[in-house]
Amino acid sequence: MAEETEKTIAPTGRQLAAARAFVAEHGKSSKAVVENVGRAGARVVLVGADGALGDIFVPSVATGEALVEAVEDLEPAEWDNPTVNLVKIGPAHRRKMAGPLARR
């Protein structure tokens, strides 16, 4: 059997800048949940101390984890009760998530 290894691609300057800007805007001790999205790579979901949501797409889970580690005041998290309860979703975000059917 061939052994498959995943090469970690370092986060880009743009990805790091976006994560740092999110933390600066939404408060220190922001959280990040890294989610595998298959061939597309990984999604780093950012949850601000104020409950705001953001996300950054990266090429792999390893890259997402490296991104979280590289940004000061951004801590790794899971979708546990404290993280979920921190999220505040407003009406505008709900409409956006609902898609075209919500705009009828």
PDB file of N, CA and C in Angstrom:
ATOM      1  N   MET A   1       0.827  -1.180   0.000  1.00  0.00           N
ATOM      2  CA  MET A   1       0.000   0.000   0.000  1.00  0.00           C
ATOM      3  C   MET A   1       0.872   1.245   0.000  1.00  0.00           C
ATOM      4  N   ALA A   2       0.422   2.212  -0.738  1.00  0.00           N
ATOM      5  CA  ALA A   2       1.135   3.488  -0.771  1.00  0.00           C
ATOM      6  C   ALA A   2       0.689   4.339   0.412  1.00  0.00           C
ATOM      7  N   GLU A   3       1.658   4.971   1.014  1.00  0.00           N
ATOM      8  CA  GLU A   3       1.341   5.847   2.141  1.00  0.00           C
ATOM      9  C   GLU A   3       1.096   7.255   1.606  1.00  0.00           C
ATOM     10  N   GLU A   4      -0.053   7.816   1.970  1.00  0.00           N
ATOM     11  CA  GLU A   4      -0.406   9.149   1.498  1.00  0.00           C
ATOM     12  C   GLU A   4      -0.052  10.167   2.574  1.00  0.00           C
ATOM     13  N   THR A   5       0.689  11.185   2.186  1.00  0.00           N
ATOM     14  CA  THR A   5       1.044  12.228   3.142  1.00  0.00           C
ATOM     15  C   THR A   5       0.496  13.556   2.647  1.00  0.00           C
ATOM     16  N   GLU A   6       0.048  14.360   3.572  1.00  0.00           N
ATOM     17  CA  GLU A   6      -0.499  15.661   3.241  1.00  0.00           C
ATOM     18  C   GLU A   6       0.562  16.719   3.493  1.00  0.00           C
ATOM     19  N   LYS A   7       0.877  17.477   2.454  1.00  0.00           N
ATOM     20  CA  LYS A   7       1.850  18.538   2.590  1.00  0.00           C
ATOM     21  C   LYS A   7       1.128  19.776   3.117  1.00  0.00           C
ATOM     22  N   THR A   8       1.653  20.354   4.170  1.00  0.00           N
ATOM     23  CA  THR A   8       1.045  21.548   4.736  1.00  0.00           C
ATOM     24  C   THR A   8       1.457  22.768   3.926  1.00  0.00           C
ATOM     25  N   ILE A   9       0.469  23.439   3.393  1.00  0.00           N
ATOM     26  CA  ILE A   9       0.712  24.682   2.671  1.00  0.00           C
ATOM     27  C   ILE A   9       0.513  25.807   3.675  1.00  0.00           C
ATOM     28  N   ALA A  10       1.496  26.672   3.797  1.00  0.00           N
ATOM     29  CA  ALA A  10       1.412  27.779   4.750  1.00  0.00           C
ATOM     30  C   ALA A  10       0.297  28.733   4.343  1.00  0.00           C
ATOM     31  N   PRO A  11      -0.394  29.326   5.323  1.00  0.00           N
ATOM     32  CA  PRO A  11      -1.425  30.309   4.993  1.00  0.00           C
ATOM     33  C   PRO A  11      -0.805  31.502   4.270  1.00  0.00           C
ATOM     34  N   THR A  12      -1.558  32.070   3.356  1.00  0.00           N
ATOM     35  CA  THR A  12      -1.061  33.224   2.602  1.00  0.00           C
ATOM     36  C   THR A  12      -1.123  34.478   3.467  1.00  0.00           C
ATOM     37  N   GLY A  13      -0.425  35.494   3.032  1.00  0.00           N
ATOM     38  CA  GLY A  13      -0.468  36.774   3.729  1.00  0.00           C
ATOM     39  C   GLY A  13      -1.868  37.351   3.758  1.00  0.00           C
ATOM     40  N   ARG A  14      -2.605  37.133   2.692  1.00  0.00           N
ATOM     41  CA  ARG A  14      -3.984  37.629   2.615  1.00  0.00           C
ATOM     42  C   ARG A  14      -4.884  36.925   3.640  1.00  0.00           C
ATOM     43  N   GLN A  15      -4.721  35.611   3.772  1.00  0.00           N
ATOM     44  CA  GLN A  15      -5.507  34.850   4.753  1.00  0.00           C
ATOM     45  C   GLN A  15      -5.161  35.277   6.174  1.00  0.00           C
ATOM     46  N   LEU A  16      -3.872  35.460   6.448  1.00  0.00           N
ATOM     47  CA  LEU A  16      -3.443  35.910   7.774  1.00  0.00           C
ATOM     48  C   LEU A  16      -3.970  37.312   8.064  1.00  0.00           C
ATOM     49  N   ALA A  17      -3.901  38.196   7.079  1.00  0.00           N
ATOM     50  CA  ALA A  17      -4.387  39.569   7.269  1.00  0.00           C
ATOM     51  C   ALA A  17      -5.885  39.581   7.538  1.00  0.00           C
ATOM     52  N   ALA A  18      -6.636  38.734   6.840  1.00  0.00           N
ATOM     53  CA  ALA A  18      -8.086  38.667   7.040  1.00  0.00           C
ATOM     54  C   ALA A  18      -8.418  38.182   8.448  1.00  0.00           C
ATOM     55  N   ALA A  19      -7.714  37.172   8.920  1.00  0.00           N
ATOM     56  CA  ALA A  19      -7.958  36.642  10.265  1.00  0.00           C
ATOM     57  C   ALA A  19      -7.573  37.670  11.326  1.00  0.00           C
ATOM     58  N   ARG A  20      -6.449  38.345  11.136  1.00  0.00           N
ATOM     59  CA  ARG A  20      -6.028  39.369  12.110  1.00  0.00           C
ATOM     60  C   ARG A  20      -7.000  40.540  12.133  1.00  0.00           C
ATOM     61  N   ALA A  21      -7.496  40.937  10.975  1.00  0.00           N
ATOM     62  CA  ALA A  21      -8.466  42.034  10.904  1.00  0.00           C
ATOM     63  C   ALA A  21      -9.767  41.645  11.608  1.00  0.00           C
ATOM     64  N   PHE A  22     -10.189  40.391  11.441  1.00  0.00           N
ATOM     65  CA  PHE A  22     -11.405  39.916  12.113  1.00  0.00           C
ATOM     66  C   PHE A  22     -11.245  40.002  13.620  1.00  0.00           C
ATOM     67  N   VAL A  23     -10.116  39.524  14.136  1.00  0.00           N
ATOM     68  CA  VAL A  23      -9.870  39.559  15.580  1.00  0.00           C
ATOM     69  C   VAL A  23      -9.829  41.004  16.069  1.00  0.00           C
ATOM     70  N   ALA A  24      -9.182  41.878  15.313  1.00  0.00           N
ATOM     71  CA  ALA A  24      -9.094  43.287  15.711  1.00  0.00           C
ATOM     72  C   ALA A  24     -10.476  43.937  15.754  1.00  0.00           C
ATOM     73  N   GLU A  25     -11.334  43.577  14.807  1.00  0.00           N
ATOM     74  CA  GLU A  25     -12.661  44.186  14.728  1.00  0.00           C
ATOM     75  C   GLU A  25     -13.663  43.581  15.710  1.00  0.00           C
ATOM     76  N   HIS A  26     -13.546  42.288  15.979  1.00  0.00           N
ATOM     77  CA  HIS A  26     -14.582  41.596  16.754  1.00  0.00           C
ATOM     78  C   HIS A  26     -14.126  41.112  18.134  1.00  0.00           C
ATOM     79  N   GLY A  27     -12.947  41.495  18.551  1.00  0.00           N
ATOM     80  CA  GLY A  27     -12.535  41.238  19.919  1.00  0.00           C
ATOM     81  C   GLY A  27     -11.518  40.125  20.087  1.00  0.00           C
ATOM     82  N   LYS A  28     -10.654  40.343  21.072  1.00  0.00           N
ATOM     83  CA  LYS A  28      -9.652  39.329  21.412  1.00  0.00           C
ATOM     84  C   LYS A  28     -10.355  38.104  21.980  1.00  0.00           C
ATOM     85  N   SER A  29      -9.656  37.010  21.969  1.00  0.00           N
ATOM     86  CA  SER A  29     -10.192  35.710  22.362  1.00  0.00           C
ATOM     87  C   SER A  29     -11.271  35.249  21.390  1.00  0.00           C
ATOM     88  N   SER A  30     -11.111  35.626  20.107  1.00  0.00           N
ATOM     89  CA  SER A  30     -11.981  35.086  19.073  1.00  0.00           C
ATOM     90  C   SER A  30     -11.654  33.614  18.912  1.00  0.00           C
ATOM     91  N   LYS A  31     -12.600  32.859  18.392  1.00  0.00           N
ATOM     92  CA  LYS A  31     -12.426  31.414  18.237  1.00  0.00           C
ATOM     93  C   LYS A  31     -12.431  31.055  16.758  1.00  0.00           C
ATOM     94  N   ALA A  32     -11.818  29.930  16.437  1.00  0.00           N
ATOM     95  CA  ALA A  32     -11.771  29.441  15.067  1.00  0.00           C
ATOM     96  C   ALA A  32     -12.040  27.945  15.048  1.00  0.00           C
ATOM     97  N   VAL A  33     -12.987  27.537  14.207  1.00  0.00           N
ATOM     98  CA  VAL A  33     -13.298  26.121  14.023  1.00  0.00           C
ATOM     99  C   VAL A  33     -12.865  25.761  12.606  1.00  0.00           C
ATOM    100  N   VAL A  34     -11.966  24.789  12.469  1.00  0.00           N
ATOM    101  CA  VAL A  34     -11.487  24.358  11.161  1.00  0.00           C
ATOM    102  C   VAL A  34     -12.329  23.167  10.717  1.00  0.00           C
ATOM    103  N   GLU A  35     -12.968  23.303   9.539  1.00  0.00           N
ATOM    104  CA  GLU A  35     -13.855  22.257   9.025  1.00  0.00           C
ATOM    105  C   GLU A  35     -13.365  21.771   7.666  1.00  0.00           C
ATOM    106  N   ASN A  36     -13.270  20.479   7.498  1.00  0.00           N
ATOM    107  CA  ASN A  36     -12.902  19.881   6.220  1.00  0.00           C
ATOM    108  C   ASN A  36     -14.078  20.025   5.254  1.00  0.00           C
ATOM    109  N   VAL A  37     -13.828  20.535   4.060  1.00  0.00           N
ATOM    110  CA  VAL A  37     -14.886  20.640   3.048  1.00  0.00           C
ATOM    111  C   VAL A  37     -14.534  19.828   1.800  1.00  0.00           C
ATOM    112  N   GLY A  38     -13.821  18.737   1.998  1.00  0.00           N
ATOM    113  CA  GLY A  38     -13.510  17.824   0.904  1.00  0.00           C
ATOM    114  C   GLY A  38     -12.406  18.334  -0.002  1.00  0.00           C
ATOM    115  N   ARG A  39     -12.576  18.115  -1.307  1.00  0.00           N
ATOM    116  CA  ARG A  39     -11.547  18.509  -2.273  1.00  0.00           C
ATOM    117  C   ARG A  39     -11.275  20.005  -2.281  1.00  0.00           C
ATOM    118  N   ALA A  40     -12.261  20.788  -1.898  1.00  0.00           N
ATOM    119  CA  ALA A  40     -12.096  22.243  -1.882  1.00  0.00           C
ATOM    120  C   ALA A  40     -11.113  22.697  -0.815  1.00  0.00           C
ATOM    121  N   GLY A  41     -10.842  21.874   0.177  1.00  0.00           N
ATOM    122  CA  GLY A  41      -9.909  22.224   1.238  1.00  0.00           C
ATOM    123  C   GLY A  41     -10.568  22.275   2.591  1.00  0.00           C
ATOM    124  N   ALA A  42     -10.472  23.417   3.253  1.00  0.00           N
ATOM    125  CA  ALA A  42     -11.035  23.563   4.597  1.00  0.00           C
ATOM    126  C   ALA A  42     -11.577  24.974   4.768  1.00  0.00           C
ATOM    127  N   ARG A  43     -12.533  25.075   5.652  1.00  0.00           N
ATOM    128  CA  ARG A  43     -13.144  26.357   5.987  1.00  0.00           C
ATOM    129  C   ARG A  43     -12.787  26.655   7.437  1.00  0.00           C
ATOM    130  N   VAL A  44     -12.222  27.822   7.668  1.00  0.00           N
ATOM    131  CA  VAL A  44     -11.929  28.265   9.024  1.00  0.00           C
ATOM    132  C   VAL A  44     -13.061  29.227   9.394  1.00  0.00           C
ATOM    133  N   VAL A  45     -13.943  28.777  10.281  1.00  0.00           N
ATOM    134  CA  VAL A  45     -15.063  29.605  10.717  1.00  0.00           C
ATOM    135  C   VAL A  45     -14.600  30.414  11.921  1.00  0.00           C
ATOM    136  N   LEU A  46     -14.684  31.726  11.795  1.00  0.00           N
ATOM    137  CA  LEU A  46     -14.250  32.622  12.859  1.00  0.00           C
ATOM    138  C   LEU A  46     -15.454  33.078  13.661  1.00  0.00           C
ATOM    139  N   VAL A  47     -15.346  33.031  14.985  1.00  0.00           N
ATOM    140  CA  VAL A  47     -16.404  33.498  15.877  1.00  0.00           C
ATOM    141  C   VAL A  47     -15.774  34.557  16.779  1.00  0.00           C
ATOM    142  N   GLY A  48     -16.226  35.789  16.609  1.00  0.00           N
ATOM    143  CA  GLY A  48     -15.667  36.891  17.379  1.00  0.00           C
ATOM    144  C   GLY A  48     -16.146  36.884  18.819  1.00  0.00           C
ATOM    145  N   ALA A  49     -15.432  37.586  19.668  1.00  0.00           N
ATOM    146  CA  ALA A  49     -15.823  37.704  21.069  1.00  0.00           C
ATOM    147  C   ALA A  49     -17.180  38.385  21.190  1.00  0.00           C
ATOM    148  N   ASP A  50     -17.560  39.169  20.153  1.00  0.00           N
ATOM    149  CA  ASP A  50     -18.861  39.843  20.144  1.00  0.00           C
ATOM    150  C   ASP A  50     -19.958  39.005  19.489  1.00  0.00           C
ATOM    151  N   GLY A  51     -19.622  37.779  19.056  1.00  0.00           N
ATOM    152  CA  GLY A  51     -20.609  36.884  18.467  1.00  0.00           C
ATOM    153  C   GLY A  51     -20.679  36.919  16.953  1.00  0.00           C
ATOM    154  N   ALA A  52     -19.878  37.780  16.310  1.00  0.00           N
ATOM    155  CA  ALA A  52     -19.875  37.887  14.850  1.00  0.00           C
ATOM    156  C   ALA A  52     -19.274  36.627  14.222  1.00  0.00           C
ATOM    157  N   LEU A  53     -19.717  36.333  13.002  1.00  0.00           N
ATOM    158  CA  LEU A  53     -19.201  35.191  12.248  1.00  0.00           C
ATOM    159  C   LEU A  53     -18.406  35.662  11.039  1.00  0.00           C
ATOM    160  N   GLY A  54     -17.405  34.895  10.685  1.00  0.00           N
ATOM    161  CA  GLY A  54     -16.635  35.131   9.475  1.00  0.00           C
ATOM    162  C   GLY A  54     -16.052  33.806   9.027  1.00  0.00           C
ATOM    163  N   ASP A  55     -15.512  33.761   7.831  1.00  0.00           N
ATOM    164  CA  ASP A  55     -14.855  32.534   7.408  1.00  0.00           C
ATOM    165  C   ASP A  55     -13.759  32.817   6.405  1.00  0.00           C
ATOM    166  N   ILE A  56     -12.818  31.891   6.354  1.00  0.00           N
ATOM    167  CA  ILE A  56     -11.694  31.953   5.430  1.00  0.00           C
ATOM    168  C   ILE A  56     -11.518  30.544   4.875  1.00  0.00           C
ATOM    169  N   PHE A  57     -11.418  30.428   3.546  1.00  0.00           N
ATOM    170  CA  PHE A  57     -11.179  29.126   2.931  1.00  0.00           C
ATOM    171  C   PHE A  57      -9.690  28.956   2.681  1.00  0.00           C
ATOM    172  N   VAL A  58      -9.185  27.768   3.010  1.00  0.00           N
ATOM    173  CA  VAL A  58      -7.776  27.433   2.860  1.00  0.00           C
ATOM    174  C   VAL A  58      -7.674  26.080   2.145  1.00  0.00           C
ATOM    175  N   PRO A  59      -6.490  25.737   1.609  1.00  0.00           N
ATOM    176  CA  PRO A  59      -6.358  24.509   0.828  1.00  0.00           C
ATOM    177  C   PRO A  59      -6.474  23.196   1.603  1.00  0.00           C
ATOM    178  N   SER A  60      -6.250  23.227   2.931  1.00  0.00           N
ATOM    179  CA  SER A  60      -6.309  21.977   3.699  1.00  0.00           C
ATOM    180  C   SER A  60      -6.584  22.266   5.172  1.00  0.00           C
ATOM    181  N   VAL A  61      -6.955  21.215   5.884  1.00  0.00           N
ATOM    182  CA  VAL A  61      -7.169  21.331   7.328  1.00  0.00           C
ATOM    183  C   VAL A  61      -5.865  21.738   8.008  1.00  0.00           C
ATOM    184  N   ALA A  62      -4.755  21.169   7.566  1.00  0.00           N
ATOM    185  CA  ALA A  62      -3.453  21.506   8.156  1.00  0.00           C
ATOM    186  C   ALA A  62      -3.141  22.989   7.970  1.00  0.00           C
ATOM    187  N   THR A  63      -3.477  23.542   6.825  1.00  0.00           N
ATOM    188  CA  THR A  63      -3.271  24.972   6.584  1.00  0.00           C
ATOM    189  C   THR A  63      -4.161  25.793   7.509  1.00  0.00           C
ATOM    190  N   GLY A  64      -5.409  25.349   7.701  1.00  0.00           N
ATOM    191  CA  GLY A  64      -6.319  26.040   8.613  1.00  0.00           C
ATOM    192  C   GLY A  64      -5.797  26.043  10.035  1.00  0.00           C
ATOM    193  N   GLU A  65      -5.282  24.915  10.472  1.00  0.00           N
ATOM    194  CA  GLU A  65      -4.725  24.826  11.820  1.00  0.00           C
ATOM    195  C   GLU A  65      -3.494  25.717  11.960  1.00  0.00           C
ATOM    196  N   ALA A  66      -2.672  25.784  10.908  1.00  0.00           N
ATOM    197  CA  ALA A  66      -1.496  26.663  10.922  1.00  0.00           C
ATOM    198  C   ALA A  66      -1.919  28.131  10.970  1.00  0.00           C
ATOM    199  N   LEU A  67      -3.007  28.468  10.286  1.00  0.00           N
ATOM    200  CA  LEU A  67      -3.532  29.826  10.298  1.00  0.00           C
ATOM    201  C   LEU A  67      -3.963  30.222  11.706  1.00  0.00           C
ATOM    202  N   VAL A  68      -4.708  29.352  12.363  1.00  0.00           N
ATOM    203  CA  VAL A  68      -5.185  29.623  13.720  1.00  0.00           C
ATOM    204  C   VAL A  68      -4.002  29.803  14.669  1.00  0.00           C
ATOM    205  N   GLU A  69      -2.999  28.964  14.523  1.00  0.00           N
ATOM    206  CA  GLU A  69      -1.823  29.034  15.384  1.00  0.00           C
ATOM    207  C   GLU A  69      -1.026  30.326  15.163  1.00  0.00           C
ATOM    208  N   ALA A  70      -1.028  30.830  13.931  1.00  0.00           N
ATOM    209  CA  ALA A  70      -0.223  32.005  13.588  1.00  0.00           C
ATOM    210  C   ALA A  70      -0.853  33.328  14.009  1.00  0.00           C
ATOM    211  N   VAL A  71      -2.150  33.331  14.282  1.00  0.00           N
ATOM    212  CA  VAL A  71      -2.836  34.588  14.608  1.00  0.00           C
ATOM    213  C   VAL A  71      -2.994  34.723  16.116  1.00  0.00           C
ATOM    214  N   GLU A  72      -2.412  35.787  16.650  1.00  0.00           N
ATOM    215  CA  GLU A  72      -2.495  36.049  18.081  1.00  0.00           C
ATOM    216  C   GLU A  72      -3.948  36.339  18.464  1.00  0.00           C
ATOM    217  N   ASP A  73      -4.356  35.881  19.618  1.00  0.00           N
ATOM    218  CA  ASP A  73      -5.709  36.071  20.157  1.00  0.00           C
ATOM    219  C   ASP A  73      -6.791  35.332  19.374  1.00  0.00           C
ATOM    220  N   LEU A  74      -6.401  34.349  18.583  1.00  0.00           N
ATOM    221  CA  LEU A  74      -7.353  33.479  17.890  1.00  0.00           C
ATOM    222  C   LEU A  74      -7.116  32.079  18.430  1.00  0.00           C
ATOM    223  N   GLU A  75      -8.124  31.527  19.097  1.00  0.00           N
ATOM    224  CA  GLU A  75      -7.936  30.225  19.720  1.00  0.00           C
ATOM    225  C   GLU A  75      -8.723  29.143  18.984  1.00  0.00           C
ATOM    226  N   PRO A  76      -8.140  27.949  18.869  1.00  0.00           N
ATOM    227  CA  PRO A  76      -8.854  26.848  18.217  1.00  0.00           C
ATOM    228  C   PRO A  76     -10.072  26.445  19.035  1.00  0.00           C
ATOM    229  N   ALA A  77     -11.131  26.041  18.341  1.00  0.00           N
ATOM    230  CA  ALA A  77     -12.370  25.667  19.029  1.00  0.00           C
ATOM    231  C   ALA A  77     -13.069  24.556  18.266  1.00  0.00           C
ATOM    232  N   GLU A  78     -14.062  24.004  18.906  1.00  0.00           N
ATOM    233  CA  GLU A  78     -14.961  23.006  18.325  1.00  0.00           C
ATOM    234  C   GLU A  78     -16.361  23.596  18.386  1.00  0.00           C
ATOM    235  N   TRP A  79     -17.312  22.956  17.737  1.00  0.00           N
ATOM    236  CA  TRP A  79     -18.706  23.404  17.848  1.00  0.00           C
ATOM    237  C   TRP A  79     -19.315  22.827  19.126  1.00  0.00           C
ATOM    238  N   ASP A  80     -18.783  23.288  20.253  1.00  0.00           N
ATOM    239  CA  ASP A  80     -19.301  22.881  21.551  1.00  0.00           C
ATOM    240  C   ASP A  80     -20.268  23.956  22.062  1.00  0.00           C
ATOM    241  N   ASN A  81     -20.897  23.717  23.204  1.00  0.00           N
ATOM    242  CA  ASN A  81     -21.882  24.672  23.731  1.00  0.00           C
ATOM    243  C   ASN A  81     -21.340  26.089  23.902  1.00  0.00           C
ATOM    244  N   PRO A  82     -20.173  26.286  24.506  1.00  0.00           N
ATOM    245  CA  PRO A  82     -19.690  27.661  24.682  1.00  0.00           C
ATOM    246  C   PRO A  82     -19.498  28.396  23.349  1.00  0.00           C
ATOM    247  N   THR A  83     -18.996  27.691  22.324  1.00  0.00           N
ATOM    248  CA  THR A  83     -18.777  28.331  21.028  1.00  0.00           C
ATOM    249  C   THR A  83     -20.100  28.637  20.344  1.00  0.00           C
ATOM    250  N   VAL A  84     -20.997  27.679  20.329  1.00  0.00           N
ATOM    251  CA  VAL A  84     -22.301  27.879  19.684  1.00  0.00           C
ATOM    252  C   VAL A  84     -23.085  28.990  20.380  1.00  0.00           C
ATOM    253  N   ASN A  85     -23.059  29.017  21.694  1.00  0.00           N
ATOM    254  CA  ASN A  85     -23.791  30.041  22.438  1.00  0.00           C
ATOM    255  C   ASN A  85     -23.214  31.436  22.251  1.00  0.00           C
ATOM    256  N   LEU A  86     -21.961  31.536  21.844  1.00  0.00           N
ATOM    257  CA  LEU A  86     -21.323  32.825  21.605  1.00  0.00           C
ATOM    258  C   LEU A  86     -21.825  33.478  20.312  1.00  0.00           C
ATOM    259  N   VAL A  87     -22.233  32.662  19.349  1.00  0.00           N
ATOM    260  CA  VAL A  87     -22.638  33.159  18.026  1.00  0.00           C
ATOM    261  C   VAL A  87     -23.944  33.947  18.109  1.00  0.00           C
ATOM    262  N   LYS A  88     -23.933  35.117  17.475  1.00  0.00           N
ATOM    263  CA  LYS A  88     -25.129  35.949  17.384  1.00  0.00           C
ATOM    264  C   LYS A  88     -25.421  36.167  15.904  1.00  0.00           C
ATOM    265  N   ILE A  89     -26.513  35.574  15.423  1.00  0.00           N
ATOM    266  CA  ILE A  89     -26.882  35.682  14.016  1.00  0.00           C
ATOM    267  C   ILE A  89     -28.053  36.642  13.893  1.00  0.00           C
ATOM    268  N   GLY A  90     -27.849  37.722  13.165  1.00  0.00           N
ATOM    269  CA  GLY A  90     -28.889  38.725  12.980  1.00  0.00           C
ATOM    270  C   GLY A  90     -29.781  38.419  11.789  1.00  0.00           C
ATOM    271  N   PRO A  91     -30.858  39.186  11.613  1.00  0.00           N
ATOM    272  CA  PRO A  91     -31.807  38.967  10.518  1.00  0.00           C
ATOM    273  C   PRO A  91     -31.172  39.067   9.129  1.00  0.00           C
ATOM    274  N   ALA A  92     -30.244  39.992   8.938  1.00  0.00           N
ATOM    275  CA  ALA A  92     -29.604  40.138   7.625  1.00  0.00           C
ATOM    276  C   ALA A  92     -28.811  38.885   7.265  1.00  0.00           C
ATOM    277  N   HIS A  93     -28.111  38.324   8.231  1.00  0.00           N
ATOM    278  CA  HIS A  93     -27.332  37.114   7.972  1.00  0.00           C
ATOM    279  C   HIS A  93     -28.256  35.927   7.695  1.00  0.00           C
ATOM    280  N   ARG A  94     -29.350  35.845   8.403  1.00  0.00           N
ATOM    281  CA  ARG A  94     -30.310  34.755   8.174  1.00  0.00           C
ATOM    282  C   ARG A  94     -30.880  34.830   6.751  1.00  0.00           C
ATOM    283  N   ARG A  95     -31.213  36.041   6.291  1.00  0.00           N
ATOM    284  CA  ARG A  95     -31.730  36.200   4.915  1.00  0.00           C
ATOM    285  C   ARG A  95     -30.677  35.795   3.897  1.00  0.00           C
ATOM    286  N   LYS A  96     -29.435  36.188   4.144  1.00  0.00           N
ATOM    287  CA  LYS A  96     -28.342  35.847   3.236  1.00  0.00           C
ATOM    288  C   LYS A  96     -28.175  34.332   3.151  1.00  0.00           C
ATOM    289  N   MET A  97     -28.244  33.658   4.287  1.00  0.00           N
ATOM    290  CA  MET A  97     -28.082  32.206   4.322  1.00  0.00           C
ATOM    291  C   MET A  97     -29.272  31.501   3.659  1.00  0.00           C
ATOM    292  N   ALA A  98     -30.446  32.104   3.701  1.00  0.00           N
ATOM    293  CA  ALA A  98     -31.634  31.489   3.121  1.00  0.00           C
ATOM    294  C   ALA A  98     -31.604  31.488   1.595  1.00  0.00           C
ATOM    295  N   GLY A  99     -30.856  32.392   1.002  1.00  0.00           N
ATOM    296  CA  GLY A  99     -30.713  32.430  -0.444  1.00  0.00           C
ATOM    297  C   GLY A  99     -31.862  33.123  -1.150  1.00  0.00           C
ATOM    298  N   PRO A 100     -31.996  32.861  -2.461  1.00  0.00           N
ATOM    299  CA  PRO A 100     -32.959  33.574  -3.293  1.00  0.00           C
ATOM    300  C   PRO A 100     -34.409  33.415  -2.849  1.00  0.00           C
ATOM    301  N   LEU A 101     -34.769  32.285  -2.269  1.00  0.00           N
ATOM    302  CA  LEU A 101     -36.156  32.069  -1.864  1.00  0.00           C
ATOM    303  C   LEU A 101     -36.601  33.076  -0.807  1.00  0.00           C
ATOM    304  N   ALA A 102     -35.678  33.544   0.006  1.00  0.00           N
ATOM    305  CA  ALA A 102     -36.017  34.489   1.072  1.00  0.00           C
ATOM    306  C   ALA A 102     -36.284  35.883   0.521  1.00  0.00           C
ATOM    307  N   ARG A 103     -35.825  36.145  -0.712  1.00  0.00           N
ATOM    308  CA  ARG A 103     -35.977  37.479  -1.282  1.00  0.00           C
ATOM    309  C   ARG A 103     -37.219  37.614  -2.151  1.00  0.00           C
ATOM    310  N   ARG A 104     -38.084  36.631  -2.145  1.00  0.00           N
ATOM    311  CA  ARG A 104     -39.315  36.686  -2.957  1.00  0.00           C
ATOM    312  C   ARG A 104     -40.296  37.648  -2.386  1.00  0.00           C
TER     313      ARG A 104
END
